[in-house]
C-alpha atoms as a PDB file:
ATOM      1  CA  MET A   1       0.498  -9.856 -28.669  1.00  0.00           C
ATOM      2  CA  ALA A   2      -3.140 -10.424 -27.689  1.00  0.00           C
ATOM      3  CA  PRO A   3      -5.458 -11.292 -30.629  1.00  0.00           C
ATOM      4  CA  ARG A   4      -7.683  -8.260 -29.998  1.00  0.00           C
ATOM      5  CA  VAL A   5      -4.606  -6.026 -30.126  1.00  0.00           C
ATOM      6  CA  GLN A   6      -3.492  -7.627 -33.394  1.00  0.00           C
ATOM      7  CA  THR A   7      -6.916  -6.930 -34.924  1.00  0.00           C
ATOM      8  CA  PHE A   8      -6.793  -3.375 -33.671  1.00  0.00           C
ATOM      9  CA  ALA A   9      -3.299  -2.842 -35.118  1.00  0.00           C
ATOM     10  CA  TRP A  10      -4.439  -4.138 -38.511  1.00  0.00           C
ATOM     11  CA  ARG A  11      -7.397  -1.723 -38.552  1.00  0.00           C
ATOM     12  CA  LEU A  12      -5.276   1.187 -37.301  1.00  0.00           C
ATOM     13  CA  LEU A  13      -2.640   0.844 -40.042  1.00  0.00           C
ATOM     14  CA  ARG A  14      -5.305   0.459 -42.734  1.00  0.00           C
ATOM     15  CA  LYS A  15      -7.270   3.504 -41.542  1.00  0.00           C
ATOM     16  CA  ALA A  16     -10.288   1.370 -40.705  1.00  0.00           C
ATOM     17  CA  LEU A  17     -11.000   2.596 -37.174  1.00  0.00           C
ATOM     18  CA  PRO A  18     -14.374   4.368 -36.786  1.00  0.00           C
ATOM     19  CA  THR A  19     -12.989   7.675 -35.519  1.00  0.00           C
ATOM     20  CA  GLY A  20     -15.350  10.611 -35.134  1.00  0.00           C
ATOM     21  CA  LYS A  21     -14.124  12.279 -38.326  1.00  0.00           C
ATOM     22  CA  ARG A  22     -14.512   9.080 -40.361  1.00  0.00           C
ATOM     23  CA  ALA A  23     -17.757   7.728 -38.870  1.00  0.00           C
ATOM     24  CA  SER A  24     -19.555  11.097 -38.999  1.00  0.00           C
ATOM     25  CA  LYS A  25     -19.459  10.933 -42.805  1.00  0.00           C
ATOM     26  CA  PHE A  26     -21.868   7.987 -42.720  1.00  0.00           C
ATOM     27  CA  SER A  27     -24.330   9.175 -40.070  1.00  0.00           C
ATOM     28  CA  LYS A  28     -25.520  12.569 -38.909  1.00  0.00           C
ATOM     29  CA  HIS A  29     -26.054  11.103 -35.419  1.00  0.00           C
ATOM     30  CA  ILE A  30     -22.317  10.587 -34.939  1.00  0.00           C
ATOM     31  CA  HIS A  31     -20.281  13.588 -33.851  1.00  0.00           C
ATOM     32  CA  GLU A  32     -16.902  14.212 -35.406  1.00  0.00           C
ATOM     33  CA  ASN A  33     -15.492  15.740 -32.223  1.00  0.00           C
ATOM     34  CA  CYS A  34     -13.343  14.048 -29.592  1.00  0.00           C
ATOM     35  CA  SER A  35     -15.170  12.720 -26.506  1.00  0.00           C
ATOM     36  CA  TRP A  36     -12.391  14.059 -24.263  1.00  0.00           C
ATOM     37  CA  CYS A  37     -11.683  17.569 -25.555  1.00  0.00           C
ATOM     38  CA  ASP A  38     -14.283  18.342 -28.275  1.00  0.00           C
ATOM     39  CA  SER A  39     -11.683  18.798 -31.041  1.00  0.00           C
ATOM     40  CA  MET A  40     -12.024  17.025 -34.389  1.00  0.00           C
ATOM     41  CA  GLU A  41     -11.166  13.377 -33.823  1.00  0.00           C
ATOM     42  CA  ASP A  42      -8.853  11.576 -36.220  1.00  0.00           C
ATOM     43  CA  GLU A  43      -6.210   8.940 -35.436  1.00  0.00           C
ATOM     44  CA  MET A  44      -3.384  11.403 -34.803  1.00  0.00           C
ATOM     45  CA  HIS A  45      -5.515  13.456 -32.446  1.00  0.00           C
ATOM     46  CA  MET A  46      -7.003  10.473 -30.623  1.00  0.00           C
ATOM     47  CA  PHE A  47      -3.735   8.649 -29.933  1.00  0.00           C
ATOM     48  CA  PHE A  48      -1.142  11.420 -29.690  1.00  0.00           C
ATOM     49  CA  LEU A  49      -2.528  14.981 -29.585  1.00  0.00           C
ATOM     50  CA  CYS A  50      -5.623  14.836 -27.359  1.00  0.00           C
ATOM     51  CA  PRO A  51      -4.868  16.224 -23.850  1.00  0.00           C
ATOM     52  CA  PHE A  52      -5.899  12.865 -22.351  1.00  0.00           C
ATOM     53  CA  SER A  53      -3.573  10.916 -24.657  1.00  0.00           C
ATOM     54  CA  LYS A  54      -0.695  13.354 -24.130  1.00  0.00           C
ATOM     55  CA  ALA A  55      -1.099  12.978 -20.369  1.00  0.00           C
ATOM     56  CA  ALA A  56      -1.152   9.171 -20.684  1.00  0.00           C
ATOM     57  CA  TRP A  57       2.049   9.199 -22.755  1.00  0.00           C
ATOM     58  CA  PHE A  58       3.751  11.477 -20.248  1.00  0.00           C
ATOM     59  CA  CYS A  59       2.894   9.223 -17.288  1.00  0.00           C
ATOM     60  CA  SER A  60       5.262   6.558 -15.976  1.00  0.00           C
ATOM     61  CA  PRO A  61       7.029   4.671 -17.509  1.00  0.00           C
ATOM     62  CA  TRP A  62       6.862   6.503 -20.868  1.00  0.00           C
ATOM     63  CA  PHE A  63       7.511  10.194 -20.034  1.00  0.00           C
ATOM     64  CA  ILE A  64       7.122  10.993 -23.737  1.00  0.00           C
ATOM     65  CA  LYS A  65       5.933  14.359 -25.102  1.00  0.00           C
ATOM     66  CA  THR A  66       4.025  13.179 -28.159  1.00  0.00           C
ATOM     67  CA  GLU A  67       3.317  16.695 -29.403  1.00  0.00           C
ATOM     68  CA  ILE A  68       7.044  17.077 -30.090  1.00  0.00           C
ATOM     69  CA  LEU A  69       7.121  13.841 -32.100  1.00  0.00           C
ATOM     70  CA  ALA A  70       3.957  14.833 -33.960  1.00  0.00           C
ATOM     71  CA  ALA A  71       5.616  18.046 -35.119  1.00  0.00           C
ATOM     72  CA  THR A  72       7.947  16.012 -37.367  1.00  0.00           C
ATOM     73  CA  ASN A  73       5.781  12.927 -38.003  1.00  0.00           C
ATOM     74  CA  SER A  74       2.441  13.591 -39.650  1.00  0.00           C
ATOM     75  CA  SER A  75       1.010  10.061 -39.908  1.00  0.00           C
ATOM     76  CA  ILE A  76       0.333   7.114 -37.618  1.00  0.00           C
ATOM     77  CA  PRO A  77       2.911   4.798 -39.311  1.00  0.00           C
ATOM     78  CA  ASP A  78       5.550   7.536 -39.027  1.00  0.00           C
ATOM     79  CA  MET A  79       4.761   8.050 -35.332  1.00  0.00           C
ATOM     80  CA  ILE A  80       4.947   4.333 -34.629  1.00  0.00           C
ATOM     81  CA  GLN A  81       8.223   3.972 -36.512  1.00  0.00           C
ATOM     82  CA  SER A  82       9.666   6.969 -34.679  1.00  0.00           C
ATOM     83  CA  LEU A  83       8.700   5.518 -31.290  1.00  0.00           C
ATOM     84  CA  LEU A  84      10.173   2.106 -32.154  1.00  0.00           C
ATOM     85  CA  ASN A  85      13.424   3.730 -33.266  1.00  0.00           C
ATOM     86  CA  SER A  86      13.674   6.004 -30.233  1.00  0.00           C
ATOM     87  CA  GLY A  87      15.547   3.466 -28.125  1.00  0.00           C
ATOM     88  CA  HIS A  88      13.089   3.873 -25.227  1.00  0.00           C
ATOM     89  CA  PRO A  89      13.643   0.926 -22.823  1.00  0.00           C
ATOM     90  CA  GLN A  90       9.908   0.283 -22.394  1.00  0.00           C
ATOM     91  CA  ILE A  91       8.880   0.380 -26.048  1.00  0.00           C
ATOM     92  CA  THR A  92       8.431  -2.863 -27.945  1.00  0.00           C
ATOM     93  CA  LEU A  93       6.048  -3.653 -30.779  1.00  0.00           C
ATOM     94  CA  SER A  94       3.738  -5.452 -28.351  1.00  0.00           C
ATOM     95  CA  SER A  95       3.786  -2.803 -25.618  1.00  0.00           C
ATOM     96  CA  LEU A  96       3.272   0.013 -28.131  1.00  0.00           C
ATOM     97  CA  TYR A  97       0.222  -1.456 -29.871  1.00  0.00           C
ATOM     98  CA  THR A  98      -1.267  -2.688 -26.592  1.00  0.00           C
ATOM     99  CA  PHE A  99      -0.969   0.811 -25.123  1.00  0.00           C
ATOM    100  CA  LEU A 100      -2.625   2.294 -28.218  1.00  0.00           C
ATOM    101  CA  TRP A 101      -5.427  -0.258 -27.916  1.00  0.00           C
ATOM    102  CA  CYS A 102      -5.988   0.760 -24.277  1.00  0.00           C
ATOM    103  CA  LEU A 103      -6.214   4.400 -25.365  1.00  0.00           C
ATOM    104  CA  TRP A 104      -8.820   3.325 -27.937  1.00  0.00           C
ATOM    105  CA  LYS A 105     -10.761   1.392 -25.281  1.00  0.00           C
ATOM    106  CA  SER A 106     -10.689   4.290 -22.807  1.00  0.00           C
ATOM    107  CA  ARG A 107     -12.098   6.532 -25.555  1.00  0.00           C
ATOM    108  CA  ASN A 108     -14.912   4.049 -26.272  1.00  0.00           C
ATOM    109  CA  ASP A 109     -15.698   3.621 -22.566  1.00  0.00           C
ATOM    110  CA  ALA A 110     -15.981   7.387 -22.156  1.00  0.00           C
ATOM    111  CA  LEU A 111     -18.019   7.854 -25.338  1.00  0.00           C
ATOM    112  CA  PHE A 112     -20.472   4.962 -25.086  1.00  0.00           C
ATOM    113  CA  ALA A 113     -20.578   3.960 -21.413  1.00  0.00           C
ATOM    114  CA  ARG A 114     -19.719   7.251 -19.652  1.00  0.00           C
ATOM    115  CA  LYS A 115     -16.918   5.411 -17.861  1.00  0.00           C
ATOM    116  CA  TYR A 116     -13.952   7.694 -17.299  1.00  0.00           C
ATOM    117  CA  CYS A 117     -10.461   6.727 -16.213  1.00  0.00           C
ATOM    118  CA  ARG A 118      -7.309   8.633 -15.343  1.00  0.00           C
ATOM    119  CA  PRO A 119      -4.471   8.875 -17.898  1.00  0.00           C
ATOM    120  CA  SER A 120      -2.158   7.079 -15.460  1.00  0.00           C
ATOM    121  CA  GLN A 121      -4.438   4.028 -15.544  1.00  0.00           C
ATOM    122  CA  VAL A 122      -3.957   3.386 -19.273  1.00  0.00           C
ATOM    123  CA  TYR A 123      -0.470   1.898 -18.953  1.00  0.00           C
ATOM    124  CA  ALA A 124      -1.554  -0.275 -16.004  1.00  0.00           C
ATOM    125  CA  ALA A 125      -4.311  -1.770 -18.171  1.00  0.00           C
ATOM    126  CA  ALA A 126      -1.881  -2.320 -21.063  1.00  0.00           C
ATOM    127  CA  ASN A 127       0.673  -3.964 -18.788  1.00  0.00           C
ATOM    128  CA  ALA A 128      -1.980  -6.342 -17.436  1.00  0.00           C
ATOM    129  CA  ILE A 129      -2.906  -7.408 -20.992  1.00  0.00           C
ATOM    130  CA  ILE A 130       0.742  -7.994 -21.905  1.00  0.00           C
ATOM    131  CA  ARG A 131       1.322 -10.123 -18.805  1.00  0.00           C
ATOM    132  CA  GLY A 132      -1.849 -12.071 -19.493  1.00  0.00           C
ATOM    133  CA  SER A 133      -0.709 -12.764 -23.052  1.00  0.00           C
ATOM    134  CA  LYS A 134       2.597 -14.096 -21.734  1.00  0.00           C
ATOM    135  CA  LEU A 135       0.760 -16.471 -19.421  1.00  0.00           C
ATOM    136  CA  ASP A 136      -1.485 -17.629 -22.282  1.00  0.00           C
ATOM    137  CA  GLY A 137       1.631 -18.589 -24.242  1.00  0.00           C
ATOM    138  CA  ALA A 138       3.375 -20.330 -21.354  1.00  0.00           C
ATOM    139  CA  THR A 139       3.650 -24.087 -21.007  1.00  0.00           C
ATOM    140  CA  PRO A 140       1.537 -25.767 -18.277  1.00  0.00           C
ATOM    141  CA  ALA A 141       4.610 -26.143 -16.040  1.00  0.00           C
ATOM    142  CA  GLU A 142       5.568 -22.484 -16.502  1.00  0.00           C
ATOM    143  CA  TYR A 143       1.976 -21.380 -15.924  1.00  0.00           C
ATOM    144  CA  HIS A 144       1.788 -23.412 -12.713  1.00  0.00           C
ATOM    145  CA  GLY A 145       5.087 -21.946 -11.524  1.00  0.00           C
ATOM    146  CA  VAL A 146       3.935 -18.397 -12.172  1.00  0.00           C
ATOM    147  CA  ASN A 147       0.658 -19.026 -10.348  1.00  0.00           C
ATOM    148  CA  CYS A 148       2.475 -20.514  -7.357  1.00  0.00           C
ATOM    149  CA  LEU A 149       4.780 -17.493  -7.232  1.00  0.00           C
ATOM    150  CA  GLN A 150       1.849 -15.080  -7.436  1.00  0.00           C
ATOM    151  CA  ASP A 151      -0.008 -16.965  -4.692  1.00  0.00           C
ATOM    152  CA  HIS A 152       3.112 -16.867  -2.509  1.00  0.00           C
ATOM    153  CA  LEU A 153       3.572 -13.118  -3.042  1.00  0.00           C
ATOM    154  CA  LEU A 154      -0.118 -12.556  -2.322  1.00  0.00           C
ATOM    155  CA  LEU A 155       0.153 -14.390   0.982  1.00  0.00           C
ATOM    156  CA  LEU A 156       3.147 -12.252   1.881  1.00  0.00           C
ATOM    157  CA  ALA A 157       1.451  -9.001   0.880  1.00  0.00           C
ATOM    158  CA  VAL A 158      -1.968  -9.520   2.491  1.00  0.00           C
ATOM    159  CA  GLN A 159      -1.559 -10.108   6.194  1.00  0.00           C
ATOM    160  CA  SER A 160      -3.882 -10.764   9.098  1.00  0.00           C
ATOM    161  CA  PRO A 161      -4.151  -8.065  11.766  1.00  0.00           C
ATOM    162  CA  ASP A 162      -3.966 -10.807  14.406  1.00  0.00           C
ATOM    163  CA  SER A 163      -0.318 -11.359  13.468  1.00  0.00           C
ATOM    164  CA  PHE A 164       0.714  -7.954  14.834  1.00  0.00           C
ATOM    165  CA  ALA A 165       1.476  -7.426  18.504  1.00  0.00           C
ATOM    166  CA  GLY A 166       1.533  -4.001  20.112  1.00  0.00           C
ATOM    167  CA  ASN A 167      -0.220  -0.819  19.036  1.00  0.00           C
ATOM    168  CA  THR A 168      -2.109  -1.153  15.739  1.00  0.00           C
ATOM    169  CA  ILE A 169      -3.733   1.635  13.709  1.00  0.00           C
ATOM    170  CA  PHE A 170      -6.310   0.810  11.015  1.00  0.00           C
ATOM    171  CA  CYS A 171      -7.190   3.462   8.420  1.00  0.00           C
ATOM    172  CA  ASP A 172      -9.638   3.731   5.536  1.00  0.00           C
ATOM    173  CA  ALA A 173     -11.375   6.330   3.372  1.00  0.00           C
ATOM    174  CA  ALA A 174     -14.793   6.817   1.760  1.00  0.00           C
ATOM    175  CA  TRP A 175     -14.688   8.787  -1.504  1.00  0.00           C
ATOM    176  CA  GLU A 176     -17.269   9.374  -4.233  1.00  0.00           C
ATOM    177  CA  MET A 177     -16.667  10.092  -7.902  1.00  0.00           C
ATOM    178  CA  GLN A 178     -17.431  13.706  -8.812  1.00  0.00           C
ATOM    179  CA  PRO A 179     -18.139  15.423 -12.149  1.00  0.00           C
ATOM    180  CA  SER A 180     -15.091  16.225 -14.252  1.00  0.00           C
ATOM    181  CA  ASN A 181     -12.570  18.717 -12.851  1.00  0.00           C
ATOM    182  CA  THR A 182     -14.179  18.831  -9.392  1.00  0.00           C
ATOM    183  CA  THR A 183     -12.951  17.391  -6.109  1.00  0.00           C
ATOM    184  CA  LYS A 184     -14.655  16.558  -2.844  1.00  0.00           C
ATOM    185  CA  GLN A 185     -13.591  15.910   0.707  1.00  0.00           C
ATOM    186  CA  ALA A 186     -13.286  12.258   1.667  1.00  0.00           C
ATOM    187  CA  GLY A 187     -14.504  10.617   4.831  1.00  0.00           C
ATOM    188  CA  ILE A 188     -11.620   9.230   6.882  1.00  0.00           C
ATOM    189  CA  GLY A 189     -11.869   6.447   9.452  1.00  0.00           C
ATOM    190  CA  VAL A 190      -9.093   5.577  11.919  1.00  0.00           C
ATOM    191  CA  PHE A 191      -9.358   2.788  14.475  1.00  0.00           C
ATOM    192  CA  ILE A 192      -6.558   2.478  17.058  1.00  0.00           C
ATOM    193  CA  GLN A 193      -5.933  -0.483  19.372  1.00  0.00           C
ATOM    194  CA  PHE A 194      -3.669   0.429  22.282  1.00  0.00           C
ATOM    195  CA  GLN A 195      -1.450  -2.132  23.965  1.00  0.00           C
ATOM    196  CA  ASN A 196      -0.752  -1.904  27.710  1.00  0.00           C
ATOM    197  CA  ASN A 197      -2.459   1.480  28.075  1.00  0.00           C
ATOM    198  CA  PRO A 198      -4.206   1.703  31.480  1.00  0.00           C
ATOM    199  CA  HIS A 199      -6.497   4.570  30.401  1.00  0.00           C
ATOM    200  CA  VAL A 200      -7.800   3.620  26.954  1.00  0.00           C
ATOM    201  CA  GLN A 201      -7.847   0.415  24.900  1.00  0.00           C
ATOM    202  CA  GLN A 202      -9.558   1.516  21.678  1.00  0.00           C
ATOM    203  CA  LEU A 203     -10.059   4.782  19.819  1.00  0.00           C
ATOM    204  CA  HIS A 204     -12.583   5.363  17.008  1.00  0.00           C
ATOM    205  CA  ILE A 205     -12.204   8.530  14.902  1.00  0.00           C
ATOM    206  CA  SER A 206     -14.277   9.813  11.975  1.00  0.00           C
ATOM    207  CA  ALA A 207     -12.888  12.859  10.157  1.00  0.00           C
ATOM    208  CA  MET A 208     -13.023  14.763   6.879  1.00  0.00           C
ATOM    209  CA  SER A 209      -9.977  15.135   4.650  1.00  0.00           C
ATOM    210  CA  PRO A 210      -9.046  18.001   2.322  1.00  0.00           C
ATOM    211  CA  PRO A 211     -10.480  17.676  -1.217  1.00  0.00           C
ATOM    212  CA  ALA A 212      -9.265  14.437  -2.824  1.00  0.00           C
ATOM    213  CA  SER A 213      -9.013  13.875  -6.576  1.00  0.00           C
ATOM    214  CA  SER A 214      -8.978  10.059  -6.534  1.00  0.00           C
ATOM    215  CA  PRO A 215      -9.690   7.056  -4.273  1.00  0.00           C
ATOM    216  CA  LEU A 216      -5.936   6.512  -3.847  1.00  0.00           C
ATOM    217  CA  GLN A 217      -5.434  10.089  -2.689  1.00  0.00           C
ATOM    218  CA  ALA A 218      -8.299   9.696  -0.219  1.00  0.00           C
ATOM    219  CA  GLU A 219      -6.704   6.510   1.148  1.00  0.00           C
ATOM    220  CA  THR A 220      -3.383   8.359   1.436  1.00  0.00           C
ATOM    221  CA  PHE A 221      -5.054  11.083   3.467  1.00  0.00           C
ATOM    222  CA  GLY A 222      -6.303   8.308   5.764  1.00  0.00           C
ATOM    223  CA  LEU A 223      -2.791   6.984   6.373  1.00  0.00           C
ATOM    224  CA  LEU A 224      -1.506  10.547   6.833  1.00  0.00           C
ATOM    225  CA  LEU A 225      -4.103  11.171   9.552  1.00  0.00           C
ATOM    226  CA  ALA A 226      -3.119   7.883  11.188  1.00  0.00           C
ATOM    227  CA  THR A 227       0.527   8.984  11.390  1.00  0.00           C
ATOM    228  CA  ARG A 228      -0.486  12.406  12.745  1.00  0.00           C
ATOM    229  CA  LEU A 229      -2.549  10.754  15.494  1.00  0.00           C
ATOM    230  CA  ALA A 230       0.350   8.471  16.370  1.00  0.00           C
ATOM    231  CA  GLU A 231       2.465  11.602  16.869  1.00  0.00           C
ATOM    232  CA  VAL A 232      -0.197  13.437  18.890  1.00  0.00           C
ATOM    233  CA  PHE A 233      -0.776  10.550  21.292  1.00  0.00           C
ATOM    234  CA  ASN A 234       2.892   9.536  21.331  1.00  0.00           C
ATOM    235  CA  ILE A 235       2.049   5.959  20.380  1.00  0.00           C
ATOM    236  CA  GLN A 236       5.146   3.796  20.640  1.00  0.00           C
ATOM    237  CA  ASP A 237       6.123   1.687  17.612  1.00  0.00           C
ATOM    238  CA  PRO A 238       2.665   1.698  15.956  1.00  0.00           C
ATOM    239  CA  HIS A 239       1.819  -0.668  13.096  1.00  0.00           C
ATOM    240  CA  PHE A 240      -0.267   0.915  10.337  1.00  0.00           C
ATOM    241  CA  LEU A 241      -2.782  -1.271   8.474  1.00  0.00           C
ATOM    242  CA  THR A 242      -4.555  -0.356   5.231  1.00  0.00           C
ATOM    243  CA  ASP A 243      -6.668  -2.344   2.762  1.00  0.00           C
ATOM    244  CA  CYS A 244      -5.128  -0.411  -0.185  1.00  0.00           C
ATOM    245  CA  SER A 245      -2.228  -2.447  -1.582  1.00  0.00           C
ATOM    246  CA  VAL A 246      -0.949   0.404  -3.795  1.00  0.00           C
ATOM    247  CA  LEU A 247      -0.782   2.731  -0.798  1.00  0.00           C
ATOM    248  CA  ALA A 248       1.034   0.137   1.314  1.00  0.00           C
ATOM    249  CA  SER A 249       3.611  -0.372  -1.455  1.00  0.00           C
ATOM    250  CA  ALA A 250       4.049   3.384  -1.948  1.00  0.00           C
ATOM    251  CA  ALA A 251       4.543   3.989   1.774  1.00  0.00           C
ATOM    252  CA  LYS A 252       7.220   1.273   1.878  1.00  0.00           C
ATOM    253  CA  ALA A 253       9.086   2.608  -1.166  1.00  0.00           C
ATOM    254  CA  THR A 254      12.625   3.744  -0.408  1.00  0.00           C
ATOM    255  CA  ASP A 255      12.623   6.074  -3.430  1.00  0.00           C
ATOM    256  CA  ILE A 256       9.641   8.424  -3.446  1.00  0.00           C
ATOM    257  CA  PHE A 257       9.984   8.941  -7.212  1.00  0.00           C
ATOM    258  CA  SER A 258       9.523   5.225  -7.881  1.00  0.00           C
ATOM    259  CA  ALA A 259       6.545   4.863  -5.537  1.00  0.00           C
ATOM    260  CA  PRO A 260       3.466   3.420  -7.283  1.00  0.00           C
ATOM    261  CA  GLY A 261       0.463   5.652  -7.867  1.00  0.00           C
ATOM    262  CA  HIS A 262      -0.091   9.003  -9.515  1.00  0.00           C
ATOM    263  CA  TRP A 263       2.630  11.635  -9.184  1.00  0.00           C
ATOM    264  CA  ASP A 264       0.305  14.115  -7.392  1.00  0.00           C
ATOM    265  CA  ASN A 265       0.063  11.634  -4.519  1.00  0.00           C
ATOM    266  CA  ARG A 266       3.801  11.625  -3.800  1.00  0.00           C
ATOM    267  CA  PRO A 267       3.920  14.785  -1.632  1.00  0.00           C
ATOM    268  CA  LEU A 268       1.446  13.131   0.754  1.00  0.00           C
ATOM    269  CA  VAL A 269       3.492   9.920   0.789  1.00  0.00           C
ATOM    270  CA  ALA A 270       6.580  12.009   1.553  1.00  0.00           C
ATOM    271  CA  GLN A 271       4.795  13.582   4.528  1.00  0.00           C
ATOM    272  CA  ILE A 272       3.882  10.107   5.788  1.00  0.00           C
ATOM    273  CA  GLN A 273       7.447   8.840   5.485  1.00  0.00           C
ATOM    274  CA  ASN A 274       8.818  11.940   7.233  1.00  0.00           C
ATOM    275  CA  SER A 275       6.599  11.409  10.270  1.00  0.00           C
ATOM    276  CA  PRO A 276       8.639  10.441  13.368  1.00  0.00           C
ATOM    277  CA  ALA A 277       5.943   7.870  14.218  1.00  0.00           C
ATOM    278  CA  PHE A 278       6.265   6.091  10.854  1.00  0.00           C
ATOM    279  CA  LYS A 279       8.590   3.254   9.932  1.00  0.00           C
ATOM    280  CA  ARG A 280       8.490   1.555   6.525  1.00  0.00           C
ATOM    281  CA  ARG A 281       8.572  -1.903   8.071  1.00  0.00           C
ATOM    282  CA  ASN A 282       5.480  -1.044  10.144  1.00  0.00           C
ATOM    283  CA  VAL A 283       2.938  -0.594   7.347  1.00  0.00           C
ATOM    284  CA  SER A 284       1.019  -3.575   5.964  1.00  0.00           C
ATOM    285  CA  HIS A 285      -1.771  -4.410   3.548  1.00  0.00           C
ATOM    286  CA  ILE A 286      -4.783  -6.282   4.965  1.00  0.00           C
ATOM    287  CA  ASN A 287      -8.012  -7.559   3.433  1.00  0.00           C
ATOM    288  CA  ARG A 288     -11.114  -5.361   3.446  1.00  0.00           C
ATOM    289  CA  GLU A 289     -12.962  -7.766   5.762  1.00  0.00           C
ATOM    290  CA  ASN A 290     -10.247  -7.192   8.380  1.00  0.00           C
ATOM    291  CA  ASN A 291     -10.665  -3.419   8.127  1.00  0.00           C
ATOM    292  CA  VAL A 292     -14.385  -3.227   8.844  1.00  0.00           C
ATOM    293  CA  LYS A 293     -14.226  -0.797  11.782  1.00  0.00           C
ATOM    294  CA  ALA A 294     -12.110   1.805   9.966  1.00  0.00           C
ATOM    295  CA  HIS A 295     -14.292   1.417   6.871  1.00  0.00           C
ATOM    296  CA  HIS A 296     -17.451   1.968   8.946  1.00  0.00           C
ATOM    297  CA  LEU A 297     -15.930   5.091  10.530  1.00  0.00           C
ATOM    298  CA  ALA A 298     -15.022   6.461   7.083  1.00  0.00           C
ATOM    299  CA  ARG A 299     -18.556   5.882   5.772  1.00  0.00           C
ATOM    300  CA  LEU A 300     -19.940   7.543   8.891  1.00  0.00           C
ATOM    301  CA  ALA A 301     -17.794  10.613   8.242  1.00  0.00           C
ATOM    302  CA  SER A 302     -18.914  10.877   4.614  1.00  0.00           C
ATOM    303  CA  ARG A 303     -22.555  10.861   5.761  1.00  0.00           C
ATOM    304  CA  MET A 304     -22.029  13.373   8.591  1.00  0.00           C
ATOM    305  CA  GLN A 305     -20.076  15.878   6.434  1.00  0.00           C
ATOM    306  CA  ILE A 306     -19.271  19.013   8.480  1.00  0.00           C
ATOM    307  CA  ARG A 307     -20.687  19.057  12.015  1.00  0.00           C
ATOM    308  CA  PRO A 308     -19.397  20.004  15.468  1.00  0.00           C
ATOM    309  CA  THR A 309     -17.073  17.365  16.864  1.00  0.00           C
ATOM    310  CA  VAL A 310     -18.813  14.771  19.026  1.00  0.00           C
ATOM    311  CA  TYR A 311     -16.730  13.272  21.855  1.00  0.00           C
ATOM    312  CA  ARG A 312     -17.782  10.079  23.624  1.00  0.00           C
ATOM    313  CA  CYS A 313     -15.687   8.517  26.344  1.00  0.00           C
ATOM    314  CA  LEU A 314     -16.565   5.050  27.641  1.00  0.00           C
ATOM    315  CA  CYS A 315     -13.511   4.740  29.849  1.00  0.00           C
ATOM    316  CA  SER A 316     -13.726   4.189  33.580  1.00  0.00           C
ATOM    317  CA  ASP A 317     -13.397   7.904  34.377  1.00  0.00           C
ATOM    318  CA  ALA A 318     -14.881   9.878  31.480  1.00  0.00           C
ATOM    319  CA  ARG A 319     -14.452  13.206  33.292  1.00  0.00           C
ATOM    320  CA  LEU A 320     -10.670  12.918  32.938  1.00  0.00           C
ATOM    321  CA  CYS A 321     -10.548  11.691  29.329  1.00  0.00           C
ATOM    322  CA  GLN A 322      -6.993  12.168  28.100  1.00  0.00           C
ATOM    323  CA  ILE A 323      -8.018  11.693  24.478  1.00  0.00           C
ATOM    324  CA  ARG A 324     -10.526  14.558  24.563  1.00  0.00           C
ATOM    325  CA  GLU A 325      -8.174  16.847  26.473  1.00  0.00           C
ATOM    326  CA  THR A 326      -5.365  16.180  23.990  1.00  0.00           C
ATOM    327  CA  LEU A 327      -7.478  16.758  20.877  1.00  0.00           C
ATOM    328  CA  CYS A 328      -9.072  19.898  22.311  1.00  0.00           C
ATOM    329  CA  VAL A 329      -5.685  21.593  22.602  1.00  0.00           C
ATOM    330  CA  THR A 330      -4.082  20.048  19.506  1.00  0.00           C
ATOM    331  CA  SER A 331      -4.781  20.949  15.884  1.00  0.00           C
ATOM    332  CA  VAL A 332      -4.385  18.108  13.395  1.00  0.00           C
ATOM    333  CA  LEU A 333      -4.542  20.113  10.186  1.00  0.00           C
ATOM    334  CA  PRO A 334      -5.749  19.811   7.480  1.00  0.00           C
ATOM    335  CA  PHE A 335      -8.277  17.321   8.898  1.00  0.00           C
ATOM    336  CA  THR A 336     -11.633  18.051  10.576  1.00  0.00           C
ATOM    337  CA  PHE A 337     -12.769  15.708  13.346  1.00  0.00           C
ATOM    338  CA  LEU A 338     -16.443  14.748  13.374  1.00  0.00           C
ATOM    339  CA  SER A 339     -16.678  11.922  15.879  1.00  0.00           C
ATOM    340  CA  VAL A 340     -14.251  10.671  18.544  1.00  0.00           C
ATOM    341  CA  LYS A 341     -15.025   7.685  20.760  1.00  0.00           C
ATOM    342  CA  CYS A 342     -12.617   6.066  23.204  1.00  0.00           C
ATOM    343  CA  SER A 343     -13.151   2.950  25.290  1.00  0.00           C
END
């Protein structure tokens, strides 16, 4: 267990955490209400009954409804003991206290730094701390072996676009954080390199997506548009490239329910996998510096917002542009094209 988590656990069990209810007794400038939901903040509310905490506990891999446990356990020690005795495969003393510490940190970030995270991100942060603690306790030989394995997996996961022959489709998204409970359309950029096409070699597309609730969802919309375009233009055996490693892993997942990322992203991933132009072996993660053109197109779309579609054809015979003719008679819902350039 990490030292900071041990200190936190000691203070939690001895009722020494400066919760809103406790700290407000010593200063009129401190509010007793929760920073997430505006209810009175004590330990039980903060860690188990706040809507944010309940959502975090119900996310993968916990899937625990803490309000049910709280109905029969009225104190923090009782809740902890009940969780440890539940037989849940993911619950250990270390994972439990580390997760609680991450809930405490997310509360402090929101309260003091106005930094907000999603409930699904709490476990990811806790898991990273647990893995880091294991590395800190490893012997030099074990630490070196783990690093070598991680470096090897990284080299396998992040690939160069030059290693792919044939038709390649790069995709990216530009998304901005919005006030709570609001969503905004994301700018989507798709850059296609055609192989052995006598009419067009490259295609640049800027488009707007439906409202996206997170950067990952915006990136998923980008890959979805890429698969739709591969269908529209009947691109043979395309290879899809994204700089989002979570999206690449989710698209490759054989079981949609075990795909990484938030659960509300899975319907989009399912649409991607059901596309006749998509094959799991043909999606790869690349570095951001190798995805510059798609990134630029996405930023361009976010600046343009909603405007009439602009077509530019730099092919040898622009009057007979197949790209423009195809897109003019084809609807690629739910996306809105802003700029299309072929060369």
